[in-house]
Amino acid sequence: MAGRAARDAYETLEISLRDEDGVEATPEGLLVHGRRFAFLEGDDLVVDVTPARARDLVHRGVAERFVVDGHPAREWVRVSDLQLWPELAGEAHEYVGEPPVGGQS
C-alpha cells in the first residue's frame, strides 16, 4: 500500500497528464493509446522508458529495475524520488505513445 505522499504525487501526475492526447488513468496505471506507461507500486513510480535510459537511471542510482516474476524488466524502472516523477512520467508517456517507425505517416 502506498503512503500518503506517494498517492498524492501520483494523483498529481494523473491530473497533469489526463488532458494529453490518448492518456487514460485506470486502476492498472496510466495508459497512452491503451498501452501502460506508468503506475504506482508501493511508494515508487514505475515507468516504461527506453532500454538505454533505463540503464542510465539504474547506473546513476536514480532508479532500480522493476522485477517481474523474479526477472528484471528491460525497460521498466522504479523511482522513489517524488521530485523526478513528473519528468520520468513525461518521458515514459512520449516513449510509449510514439507511433512505431514506419507506421502511418
PDB file of N, CA and C in Angstrom:
ATOM      1  N   MET A   1       0.842  -1.184   0.000  1.00  0.00           N
ATOM      2  CA  MET A   1       0.000   0.000   0.000  1.00  0.00           C
ATOM      3  C   MET A   1       0.882   1.239   0.000  1.00  0.00           C
ATOM      4  N   ALA A   2       0.562   2.161  -0.837  1.00  0.00           N
ATOM      5  CA  ALA A   2       1.353   3.385  -0.977  1.00  0.00           C
ATOM      6  C   ALA A   2       1.079   4.337   0.183  1.00  0.00           C
ATOM      7  N   GLY A   3       2.128   5.071   0.555  1.00  0.00           N
ATOM      8  CA  GLY A   3       1.996   6.102   1.566  1.00  0.00           C
ATOM      9  C   GLY A   3       1.275   7.314   1.007  1.00  0.00           C
ATOM     10  N   ARG A   4       0.879   8.196   1.907  1.00  0.00           N
ATOM     11  CA  ARG A   4       0.109   9.375   1.513  1.00  0.00           C
ATOM     12  C   ARG A   4       0.863  10.259   0.505  1.00  0.00           C
ATOM     13  N   ALA A   5       2.150  10.508   0.748  1.00  0.00           N
ATOM     14  CA  ALA A   5       2.927  11.378  -0.152  1.00  0.00           C
ATOM     15  C   ALA A   5       2.988  10.778  -1.558  1.00  0.00           C
ATOM     16  N   ALA A   6       3.197   9.456  -1.648  1.00  0.00           N
ATOM     17  CA  ALA A   6       3.263   8.799  -2.955  1.00  0.00           C
ATOM     18  C   ALA A   6       1.907   8.848  -3.654  1.00  0.00           C
ATOM     19  N   ARG A   7       0.834   8.594  -2.920  1.00  0.00           N
ATOM     20  CA  ARG A   7      -0.509   8.655  -3.522  1.00  0.00           C
ATOM     21  C   ARG A   7      -0.811  10.059  -4.032  1.00  0.00           C
ATOM     22  N   ASP A   8      -0.457  11.070  -3.227  1.00  0.00           N
ATOM     23  CA  ASP A   8      -0.702  12.451  -3.646  1.00  0.00           C
ATOM     24  C   ASP A   8       0.107  12.803  -4.896  1.00  0.00           C
ATOM     25  N   ALA A   9       1.380  12.410  -4.920  1.00  0.00           N
ATOM     26  CA  ALA A   9       2.232  12.693  -6.079  1.00  0.00           C
ATOM     27  C   ALA A   9       1.696  11.988  -7.324  1.00  0.00           C
ATOM     28  N   TYR A  10       1.212  10.755  -7.161  1.00  0.00           N
ATOM     29  CA  TYR A  10       0.672  10.013  -8.298  1.00  0.00           C
ATOM     30  C   TYR A  10      -0.614  10.667  -8.809  1.00  0.00           C
ATOM     31  N   GLU A  11      -1.468  11.101  -7.887  1.00  0.00           N
ATOM     32  CA  GLU A  11      -2.698  11.787  -8.294  1.00  0.00           C
ATOM     33  C   GLU A  11      -2.378  13.074  -9.050  1.00  0.00           C
ATOM     34  N   THR A  12      -1.339  13.775  -8.638  1.00  0.00           N
ATOM     35  CA  THR A  12      -0.914  14.981  -9.338  1.00  0.00           C
ATOM     36  C   THR A  12      -0.475  14.641 -10.760  1.00  0.00           C
ATOM     37  N   LEU A  13       0.246  13.510 -10.916  1.00  0.00           N
ATOM     38  CA  LEU A  13       0.635  13.062 -12.266  1.00  0.00           C
ATOM     39  C   LEU A  13      -0.593  12.780 -13.118  1.00  0.00           C
ATOM     40  N   GLU A  14      -1.535  12.065 -12.536  1.00  0.00           N
ATOM     41  CA  GLU A  14      -2.765  11.751 -13.274  1.00  0.00           C
ATOM     42  C   GLU A  14      -3.441  13.028 -13.765  1.00  0.00           C
ATOM     43  N   ILE A  15      -3.546  14.012 -12.882  1.00  0.00           N
ATOM     44  CA  ILE A  15      -4.204  15.269 -13.238  1.00  0.00           C
ATOM     45  C   ILE A  15      -3.425  15.995 -14.335  1.00  0.00           C
ATOM     46  N   SER A  16      -2.100  16.019 -14.215  1.00  0.00           N
ATOM     47  CA  SER A  16      -1.298  16.766 -15.189  1.00  0.00           C
ATOM     48  C   SER A  16      -1.258  16.100 -16.566  1.00  0.00           C
ATOM     49  N   LEU A  17      -1.442  14.792 -16.621  1.00  0.00           N
ATOM     50  CA  LEU A  17      -1.327  14.078 -17.894  1.00  0.00           C
ATOM     51  C   LEU A  17      -2.660  13.720 -18.537  1.00  0.00           C
ATOM     52  N   ARG A  18      -3.748  13.814 -17.795  1.00  0.00           N
ATOM     53  CA  ARG A  18      -5.021  13.309 -18.321  1.00  0.00           C
ATOM     54  C   ARG A  18      -5.556  14.060 -19.527  1.00  0.00           C
ATOM     55  N   ASP A  19      -5.104  15.294 -19.729  1.00  0.00           N
ATOM     56  CA  ASP A  19      -5.575  16.044 -20.900  1.00  0.00           C
ATOM     57  C   ASP A  19      -4.712  15.816 -22.136  1.00  0.00           C
ATOM     58  N   GLU A  20      -3.643  15.048 -21.995  1.00  0.00           N
ATOM     59  CA  GLU A  20      -2.792  14.725 -23.143  1.00  0.00           C
ATOM     60  C   GLU A  20      -3.544  13.761 -24.062  1.00  0.00           C
ATOM     61  N   ASP A  21      -3.296  13.856 -25.349  1.00  0.00           N
ATOM     62  CA  ASP A  21      -3.963  13.004 -26.329  1.00  0.00           C
ATOM     63  C   ASP A  21      -3.745  11.527 -26.024  1.00  0.00           C
ATOM     64  N   GLY A  22      -4.825  10.785 -25.882  1.00  0.00           N
ATOM     65  CA  GLY A  22      -4.756   9.342 -25.712  1.00  0.00           C
ATOM     66  C   GLY A  22      -4.448   8.859 -24.320  1.00  0.00           C
ATOM     67  N   VAL A  23      -4.294   9.751 -23.336  1.00  0.00           N
ATOM     68  CA  VAL A  23      -3.945   9.337 -21.977  1.00  0.00           C
ATOM     69  C   VAL A  23      -5.200   9.012 -21.184  1.00  0.00           C
ATOM     70  N   GLU A  24      -5.106   7.934 -20.443  1.00  0.00           N
ATOM     71  CA  GLU A  24      -6.214   7.470 -19.611  1.00  0.00           C
ATOM     72  C   GLU A  24      -5.648   6.986 -18.286  1.00  0.00           C
ATOM     73  N   ALA A  25      -6.296   7.367 -17.183  1.00  0.00           N
ATOM     74  CA  ALA A  25      -5.920   6.883 -15.858  1.00  0.00           C
ATOM     75  C   ALA A  25      -6.838   5.713 -15.527  1.00  0.00           C
ATOM     76  N   THR A  26      -6.244   4.555 -15.258  1.00  0.00           N
ATOM     77  CA  THR A  26      -7.006   3.351 -14.945  1.00  0.00           C
ATOM     78  C   THR A  26      -6.486   2.764 -13.629  1.00  0.00           C
ATOM     79  N   PRO A  27      -7.179   1.794 -13.066  1.00  0.00           N
ATOM     80  CA  PRO A  27      -6.662   1.139 -11.853  1.00  0.00           C
ATOM     81  C   PRO A  27      -5.309   0.444 -12.090  1.00  0.00           C
ATOM     82  N   GLU A  28      -5.005   0.101 -13.342  1.00  0.00           N
ATOM     83  CA  GLU A  28      -3.733  -0.554 -13.669  1.00  0.00           C
ATOM     84  C   GLU A  28      -2.602   0.444 -13.863  1.00  0.00           C
ATOM     85  N   GLY A  29      -2.932   1.721 -14.009  1.00  0.00           N
ATOM     86  CA  GLY A  29      -1.914   2.743 -14.186  1.00  0.00           C
ATOM     87  C   GLY A  29      -2.298   3.739 -15.259  1.00  0.00           C
ATOM     88  N   LEU A  30      -1.318   4.497 -15.701  1.00  0.00           N
ATOM     89  CA  LEU A  30      -1.523   5.487 -16.751  1.00  0.00           C
ATOM     90  C   LEU A  30      -1.269   4.839 -18.106  1.00  0.00           C
ATOM     91  N   LEU A  31      -2.216   5.025 -19.004  1.00  0.00           N
ATOM     92  CA  LEU A  31      -2.121   4.440 -20.336  1.00  0.00           C
ATOM     93  C   LEU A  31      -2.109   5.549 -21.376  1.00  0.00           C
ATOM     94  N   VAL A  32      -1.420   5.305 -22.473  1.00  0.00           N
ATOM     95  CA  VAL A  32      -1.492   6.181 -23.629  1.00  0.00           C
ATOM     96  C   VAL A  32      -1.830   5.289 -24.824  1.00  0.00           C
ATOM     97  N   HIS A  33      -2.922   5.613 -25.475  1.00  0.00           N
ATOM     98  CA  HIS A  33      -3.432   4.811 -26.598  1.00  0.00           C
ATOM     99  C   HIS A  33      -3.526   3.329 -26.212  1.00  0.00           C
ATOM    100  N   GLY A  34      -3.966   3.087 -24.973  1.00  0.00           N
ATOM    101  CA  GLY A  34      -4.195   1.725 -24.500  1.00  0.00           C
ATOM    102  C   GLY A  34      -2.969   0.993 -23.971  1.00  0.00           C
ATOM    103  N   ARG A  35      -1.803   1.632 -24.000  1.00  0.00           N
ATOM    104  CA  ARG A  35      -0.568   0.987 -23.522  1.00  0.00           C
ATOM    105  C   ARG A  35      -0.112   1.647 -22.227  1.00  0.00           C
ATOM    106  N   ARG A  36       0.167   0.838 -21.228  1.00  0.00           N
ATOM    107  CA  ARG A  36       0.583   1.352 -19.925  1.00  0.00           C
ATOM    108  C   ARG A  36       1.991   1.928 -20.002  1.00  0.00           C
ATOM    109  N   PHE A  37       2.169   3.122 -19.423  1.00  0.00           N
ATOM    110  CA  PHE A  37       3.491   3.740 -19.397  1.00  0.00           C
ATOM    111  C   PHE A  37       3.958   4.080 -17.991  1.00  0.00           C
ATOM    112  N   ALA A  38       3.062   4.087 -17.016  1.00  0.00           N
ATOM    113  CA  ALA A  38       3.461   4.381 -15.636  1.00  0.00           C
ATOM    114  C   ALA A  38       2.411   3.832 -14.680  1.00  0.00           C
ATOM    115  N   PHE A  39       2.867   3.436 -13.496  1.00  0.00           N
ATOM    116  CA  PHE A  39       1.945   3.008 -12.452  1.00  0.00           C
ATOM    117  C   PHE A  39       2.623   3.120 -11.101  1.00  0.00           C
ATOM    118  N   LEU A  40       1.807   3.111 -10.063  1.00  0.00           N
ATOM    119  CA  LEU A  40       2.296   3.215  -8.696  1.00  0.00           C
ATOM    120  C   LEU A  40       2.467   1.812  -8.134  1.00  0.00           C
ATOM    121  N   GLU A  41       3.640   1.552  -7.557  1.00  0.00           N
ATOM    122  CA  GLU A  41       3.942   0.259  -6.927  1.00  0.00           C
ATOM    123  C   GLU A  41       4.512   0.577  -5.552  1.00  0.00           C
ATOM    124  N   GLY A  42       3.698   0.379  -4.511  1.00  0.00           N
ATOM    125  CA  GLY A  42       4.128   0.778  -3.181  1.00  0.00           C
ATOM    126  C   GLY A  42       4.323   2.283  -3.168  1.00  0.00           C
ATOM    127  N   ASP A  43       5.492   2.746  -2.751  1.00  0.00           N
ATOM    128  CA  ASP A  43       5.795   4.178  -2.738  1.00  0.00           C
ATOM    129  C   ASP A  43       6.643   4.598  -3.936  1.00  0.00           C
ATOM    130  N   ASP A  44       6.756   3.748  -4.942  1.00  0.00           N
ATOM    131  CA  ASP A  44       7.569   4.038  -6.123  1.00  0.00           C
ATOM    132  C   ASP A  44       6.693   4.217  -7.357  1.00  0.00           C
ATOM    133  N   LEU A  45       7.171   5.069  -8.257  1.00  0.00           N
ATOM    134  CA  LEU A  45       6.573   5.176  -9.578  1.00  0.00           C
ATOM    135  C   LEU A  45       7.340   4.223 -10.487  1.00  0.00           C
ATOM    136  N   VAL A  46       6.626   3.409 -11.230  1.00  0.00           N
ATOM    137  CA  VAL A  46       7.249   2.502 -12.188  1.00  0.00           C
ATOM    138  C   VAL A  46       6.932   3.037 -13.574  1.00  0.00           C
ATOM    139  N   VAL A  47       7.991   3.241 -14.379  1.00  0.00           N
ATOM    140  CA  VAL A  47       7.827   3.830 -15.710  1.00  0.00           C
ATOM    141  C   VAL A  47       8.504   2.975 -16.767  1.00  0.00           C
ATOM    142  N   ASP A  48       7.974   3.051 -17.972  1.00  0.00           N
ATOM    143  CA  ASP A  48       8.495   2.349 -19.142  1.00  0.00           C
ATOM    144  C   ASP A  48       9.295   3.357 -19.965  1.00  0.00           C
ATOM    145  N   VAL A  49      10.611   3.198 -19.976  1.00  0.00           N
ATOM    146  CA  VAL A  49      11.495   4.105 -20.717  1.00  0.00           C
ATOM    147  C   VAL A  49      12.341   3.287 -21.683  1.00  0.00           C
ATOM    148  N   THR A  50      13.104   3.957 -22.527  1.00  0.00           N
ATOM    149  CA  THR A  50      13.947   3.233 -23.472  1.00  0.00           C
ATOM    150  C   THR A  50      14.958   2.383 -22.694  1.00  0.00           C
ATOM    151  N   PRO A  51      15.420   1.288 -23.272  1.00  0.00           N
ATOM    152  CA  PRO A  51      16.421   0.469 -22.584  1.00  0.00           C
ATOM    153  C   PRO A  51      17.667   1.267 -22.202  1.00  0.00           C
ATOM    154  N   ALA A  52      18.120   2.172 -23.067  1.00  0.00           N
ATOM    155  CA  ALA A  52      19.307   2.984 -22.768  1.00  0.00           C
ATOM    156  C   ALA A  52      19.040   3.906 -21.580  1.00  0.00           C
ATOM    157  N   ARG A  53      17.865   4.504 -21.546  1.00  0.00           N
ATOM    158  CA  ARG A  53      17.521   5.393 -20.436  1.00  0.00           C
ATOM    159  C   ARG A  53      17.399   4.599 -19.140  1.00  0.00           C
ATOM    160  N   ALA A  54      16.811   3.417 -19.200  1.00  0.00           N
ATOM    161  CA  ALA A  54      16.697   2.569 -18.012  1.00  0.00           C
ATOM    162  C   ALA A  54      18.085   2.233 -17.467  1.00  0.00           C
ATOM    163  N   ARG A  55      19.006   1.844 -18.351  1.00  0.00           N
ATOM    164  CA  ARG A  55      20.381   1.539 -17.916  1.00  0.00           C
ATOM    165  C   ARG A  55      21.032   2.749 -17.261  1.00  0.00           C
ATOM    166  N   ASP A  56      20.863   3.917 -17.869  1.00  0.00           N
ATOM    167  CA  ASP A  56      21.437   5.146 -17.338  1.00  0.00           C
ATOM    168  C   ASP A  56      20.885   5.454 -15.948  1.00  0.00           C
ATOM    169  N   LEU A  57      19.582   5.399 -15.783  1.00  0.00           N
ATOM    170  CA  LEU A  57      18.961   5.702 -14.491  1.00  0.00           C
ATOM    171  C   LEU A  57      19.426   4.739 -13.408  1.00  0.00           C
ATOM    172  N   VAL A  58      19.513   3.457 -13.747  1.00  0.00           N
ATOM    173  CA  VAL A  58      19.963   2.453 -12.779  1.00  0.00           C
ATOM    174  C   VAL A  58      21.440   2.666 -12.458  1.00  0.00           C
ATOM    175  N   HIS A  59      22.251   2.903 -13.478  1.00  0.00           N
ATOM    176  CA  HIS A  59      23.689   3.111 -13.290  1.00  0.00           C
ATOM    177  C   HIS A  59      23.967   4.296 -12.363  1.00  0.00           C
ATOM    178  N   ARG A  60      23.190   5.364 -12.504  1.00  0.00           N
ATOM    179  CA  ARG A  60      23.388   6.558 -11.683  1.00  0.00           C
ATOM    180  C   ARG A  60      22.711   6.455 -10.321  1.00  0.00           C
ATOM    181  N   GLY A  61      22.013   5.362 -10.055  1.00  0.00           N
ATOM    182  CA  GLY A  61      21.361   5.177  -8.768  1.00  0.00           C
ATOM    183  C   GLY A  61      20.071   5.959  -8.606  1.00  0.00           C
ATOM    184  N   VAL A  62      19.529   6.440  -9.715  1.00  0.00           N
ATOM    185  CA  VAL A  62      18.288   7.205  -9.698  1.00  0.00           C
ATOM    186  C   VAL A  62      17.078   6.272  -9.635  1.00  0.00           C
ATOM    187  N   ALA A  63      17.239   5.085 -10.184  1.00  0.00           N
ATOM    188  CA  ALA A  63      16.137   4.127 -10.268  1.00  0.00           C
ATOM    189  C   ALA A  63      16.668   2.716 -10.046  1.00  0.00           C
ATOM    190  N   GLU A  64      15.725   1.798  -9.842  1.00  0.00           N
ATOM    191  CA  GLU A  64      16.035   0.374  -9.763  1.00  0.00           C
ATOM    192  C   GLU A  64      15.239  -0.333 -10.845  1.00  0.00           C
ATOM    193  N   ARG A  65      15.758  -1.439 -11.311  1.00  0.00           N
ATOM    194  CA  ARG A  65      14.998  -2.243 -12.283  1.00  0.00           C
ATOM    195  C   ARG A  65      13.713  -2.723 -11.625  1.00  0.00           C
ATOM    196  N   PHE A  66      12.640  -2.715 -12.378  1.00  0.00           N
ATOM    197  CA  PHE A  66      11.391  -3.289 -11.913  1.00  0.00           C
ATOM    198  C   PHE A  66      11.463  -4.782 -12.182  1.00  0.00           C
ATOM    199  N   VAL A  67      11.193  -5.575 -11.172  1.00  0.00           N
ATOM    200  CA  VAL A  67      11.308  -7.027 -11.280  1.00  0.00           C
ATOM    201  C   VAL A  67       9.922  -7.640 -11.471  1.00  0.00           C
ATOM    202  N   VAL A  68       9.809  -8.469 -12.508  1.00  0.00           N
ATOM    203  CA  VAL A  68       8.570  -9.172 -12.821  1.00  0.00           C
ATOM    204  C   VAL A  68       8.851 -10.664 -12.773  1.00  0.00           C
ATOM    205  N   ASP A  69       8.133 -11.380 -11.948  1.00  0.00           N
ATOM    206  CA  ASP A  69       8.308 -12.834 -11.809  1.00  0.00           C
ATOM    207  C   ASP A  69       9.769 -13.207 -11.561  1.00  0.00           C
ATOM    208  N   GLY A  70      10.458 -12.410 -10.749  1.00  0.00           N
ATOM    209  CA  GLY A  70      11.839 -12.706 -10.392  1.00  0.00           C
ATOM    210  C   GLY A  70      12.873 -12.259 -11.401  1.00  0.00           C
ATOM    211  N   HIS A  71      12.443 -11.632 -12.485  1.00  0.00           N
ATOM    212  CA  HIS A  71      13.364 -11.193 -13.537  1.00  0.00           C
ATOM    213  C   HIS A  71      13.250  -9.679 -13.727  1.00  0.00           C
ATOM    214  N   PRO A  72      14.395  -8.983 -13.844  1.00  0.00           N
ATOM    215  CA  PRO A  72      14.318  -7.539 -14.088  1.00  0.00           C
ATOM    216  C   PRO A  72      13.765  -7.250 -15.475  1.00  0.00           C
ATOM    217  N   ALA A  73      12.839  -6.313 -15.523  1.00  0.00           N
ATOM    218  CA  ALA A  73      12.269  -5.908 -16.801  1.00  0.00           C
ATOM    219  C   ALA A  73      13.265  -4.995 -17.524  1.00  0.00           C
ATOM    220  N   ARG A  74      13.393  -5.170 -18.801  1.00  0.00           N
ATOM    221  CA  ARG A  74      14.402  -4.452 -19.594  1.00  0.00           C
ATOM    222  C   ARG A  74      14.167  -2.948 -19.634  1.00  0.00           C
ATOM    223  N   GLU A  75      12.929  -2.528 -19.773  1.00  0.00           N
ATOM    224  CA  GLU A  75      12.623  -1.114 -19.961  1.00  0.00           C
ATOM    225  C   GLU A  75      11.902  -0.484 -18.781  1.00  0.00           C
ATOM    226  N   TRP A  76      11.476  -1.252 -17.825  1.00  0.00           N
ATOM    227  CA  TRP A  76      10.714  -0.730 -16.698  1.00  0.00           C
ATOM    228  C   TRP A  76      11.627  -0.502 -15.499  1.00  0.00           C
ATOM    229  N   VAL A  77      11.531   0.703 -14.917  1.00  0.00           N
ATOM    230  CA  VAL A  77      12.299   1.026 -13.716  1.00  0.00           C
ATOM    231  C   VAL A  77      11.366   1.611 -12.663  1.00  0.00           C
ATOM    232  N   ARG A  78      11.793   1.474 -11.402  1.00  0.00           N
ATOM    233  CA  ARG A  78      11.035   2.060 -10.294  1.00  0.00           C
ATOM    234  C   ARG A  78      11.834   3.199  -9.693  1.00  0.00           C
ATOM    235  N   VAL A  79      11.133   4.289  -9.420  1.00  0.00           N
ATOM    236  CA  VAL A  79      11.760   5.515  -8.950  1.00  0.00           C
ATOM    237  C   VAL A  79      11.079   5.934  -7.654  1.00  0.00           C
ATOM    238  N   SER A  80      11.884   6.150  -6.621  1.00  0.00           N
ATOM    239  CA  SER A  80      11.310   6.549  -5.340  1.00  0.00           C
ATOM    240  C   SER A  80      11.305   8.055  -5.126  1.00  0.00           C
ATOM    241  N   ASP A  81      12.176   8.800  -5.800  1.00  0.00           N
ATOM    242  CA  ASP A  81      12.274  10.251  -5.622  1.00  0.00           C
ATOM    243  C   ASP A  81      11.075  10.937  -6.274  1.00  0.00           C
ATOM    244  N   LEU A  82      10.153  11.411  -5.446  1.00  0.00           N
ATOM    245  CA  LEU A  82       8.914  12.017  -5.942  1.00  0.00           C
ATOM    246  C   LEU A  82       9.170  13.211  -6.862  1.00  0.00           C
ATOM    247  N   GLN A  83      10.255  13.918  -6.655  1.00  0.00           N
ATOM    248  CA  GLN A  83      10.550  15.092  -7.480  1.00  0.00           C
ATOM    249  C   GLN A  83      10.882  14.707  -8.922  1.00  0.00           C
ATOM    250  N   LEU A  84      11.336  13.488  -9.152  1.00  0.00           N
ATOM    251  CA  LEU A  84      11.673  13.027 -10.502  1.00  0.00           C
ATOM    252  C   LEU A  84      10.473  12.453 -11.253  1.00  0.00           C
ATOM    253  N   TRP A  85       9.398  12.189 -10.550  1.00  0.00           N
ATOM    254  CA  TRP A  85       8.251  11.540 -11.167  1.00  0.00           C
ATOM    255  C   TRP A  85       7.696  12.288 -12.373  1.00  0.00           C
ATOM    256  N   PRO A  86       7.462  13.605 -12.301  1.00  0.00           N
ATOM    257  CA  PRO A  86       6.879  14.278 -13.480  1.00  0.00           C
ATOM    258  C   PRO A  86       7.761  14.151 -14.721  1.00  0.00           C
ATOM    259  N   GLU A  87       9.054  14.343 -14.557  1.00  0.00           N
ATOM    260  CA  GLU A  87       9.970  14.247 -15.704  1.00  0.00           C
ATOM    261  C   GLU A  87       9.965  12.847 -16.298  1.00  0.00           C
ATOM    262  N   LEU A  88      10.073  11.834 -15.444  1.00  0.00           N
ATOM    263  CA  LEU A  88      10.169  10.460 -15.948  1.00  0.00           C
ATOM    264  C   LEU A  88       8.832   9.957 -16.472  1.00  0.00           C
ATOM    265  N   ALA A  89       7.735  10.383 -15.874  1.00  0.00           N
ATOM    266  CA  ALA A  89       6.419  10.013 -16.411  1.00  0.00           C
ATOM    267  C   ALA A  89       6.231  10.648 -17.785  1.00  0.00           C
ATOM    268  N   GLY A  90       6.717  11.881 -17.948  1.00  0.00           N
ATOM    269  CA  GLY A  90       6.644  12.537 -19.251  1.00  0.00           C
ATOM    270  C   GLY A  90       7.461  11.799 -20.297  1.00  0.00           C
ATOM    271  N   GLU A  91       8.666  11.368 -19.914  1.00  0.00           N
ATOM    272  CA  GLU A  91       9.497  10.590 -20.841  1.00  0.00           C
ATOM    273  C   GLU A  91       8.809   9.287 -21.226  1.00  0.00           C
ATOM    274  N   ALA A  92       8.250   8.615 -20.228  1.00  0.00           N
ATOM    275  CA  ALA A  92       7.573   7.338 -20.484  1.00  0.00           C
ATOM    276  C   ALA A  92       6.361   7.558 -21.387  1.00  0.00           C
ATOM    277  N   HIS A  93       5.615   8.618 -21.139  1.00  0.00           N
ATOM    278  CA  HIS A  93       4.454   8.935 -21.968  1.00  0.00           C
ATOM    279  C   HIS A  93       4.866   9.128 -23.427  1.00  0.00           C
ATOM    280  N   GLU A  94       5.925   9.894 -23.646  1.00  0.00           N
ATOM    281  CA  GLU A  94       6.401  10.127 -25.010  1.00  0.00           C
ATOM    282  C   GLU A  94       6.915   8.840 -25.648  1.00  0.00           C
ATOM    283  N   TYR A  95       7.681   8.058 -24.885  1.00  0.00           N
ATOM    284  CA  TYR A  95       8.257   6.820 -25.413  1.00  0.00           C
ATOM    285  C   TYR A  95       7.167   5.821 -25.805  1.00  0.00           C
ATOM    286  N   VAL A  96       6.251   5.582 -24.932  1.00  0.00           N
ATOM    287  CA  VAL A  96       5.209   4.581 -25.190  1.00  0.00           C
ATOM    288  C   VAL A  96       4.188   5.108 -26.192  1.00  0.00           C
ATOM    289  N   GLY A  97       3.936   6.404 -26.177  1.00  0.00           N
ATOM    290  CA  GLY A  97       2.920   6.984 -27.049  1.00  0.00           C
ATOM    291  C   GLY A  97       3.367   7.274 -28.462  1.00  0.00           C
ATOM    292  N   GLU A  98       4.676   7.179 -28.729  1.00  0.00           N
ATOM    293  CA  GLU A  98       5.178   7.435 -30.080  1.00  0.00           C
ATOM    294  C   GLU A  98       4.718   6.350 -31.037  1.00  0.00           C
ATOM    295  N   PRO A  99       4.324   6.729 -32.238  1.00  0.00           N
ATOM    296  CA  PRO A  99       3.963   5.693 -33.205  1.00  0.00           C
ATOM    297  C   PRO A  99       5.211   4.925 -33.639  1.00  0.00           C
ATOM    298  N   PRO A 100       5.065   3.656 -33.969  1.00  0.00           N
ATOM    299  CA  PRO A 100       6.226   2.889 -34.420  1.00  0.00           C
ATOM    300  C   PRO A 100       6.800   3.469 -35.700  1.00  0.00           C
ATOM    301  N   VAL A 101       8.106   3.342 -35.839  1.00  0.00           N
ATOM    302  CA  VAL A 101       8.783   3.797 -37.052  1.00  0.00           C
ATOM    303  C   VAL A 101       8.231   3.011 -38.241  1.00  0.00           C
ATOM    304  N   GLY A 102       7.927   3.734 -39.300  1.00  0.00           N
ATOM    305  CA  GLY A 102       7.363   3.079 -40.488  1.00  0.00           C
ATOM    306  C   GLY A 102       5.871   2.901 -40.385  1.00  0.00           C
ATOM    307  N   GLY A 103       5.285   3.510 -39.344  1.00  0.00           N
ATOM    308  CA  GLY A 103       3.835   3.401 -39.156  1.00  0.00           C
ATOM    309  C   GLY A 103       3.100   4.334 -40.095  1.00  0.00           C
ATOM    310  N   GLN A 104       1.956   4.748 -39.686  1.00  0.00           N
ATOM    311  CA  GLN A 104       1.113   5.585 -40.526  1.00  0.00           C
ATOM    312  C   GLN A 104       1.628   7.013 -40.507  1.00  0.00           C
ATOM    313  N   SER A 105       2.432   7.355 -41.455  1.00  0.00           N
ATOM    314  CA  SER A 105       2.958   8.723 -41.528  1.00  0.00           C
ATOM    315  C   SER A 105       2.613   9.370 -42.836  1.00  0.00           C
TER     316      SER A 105
END
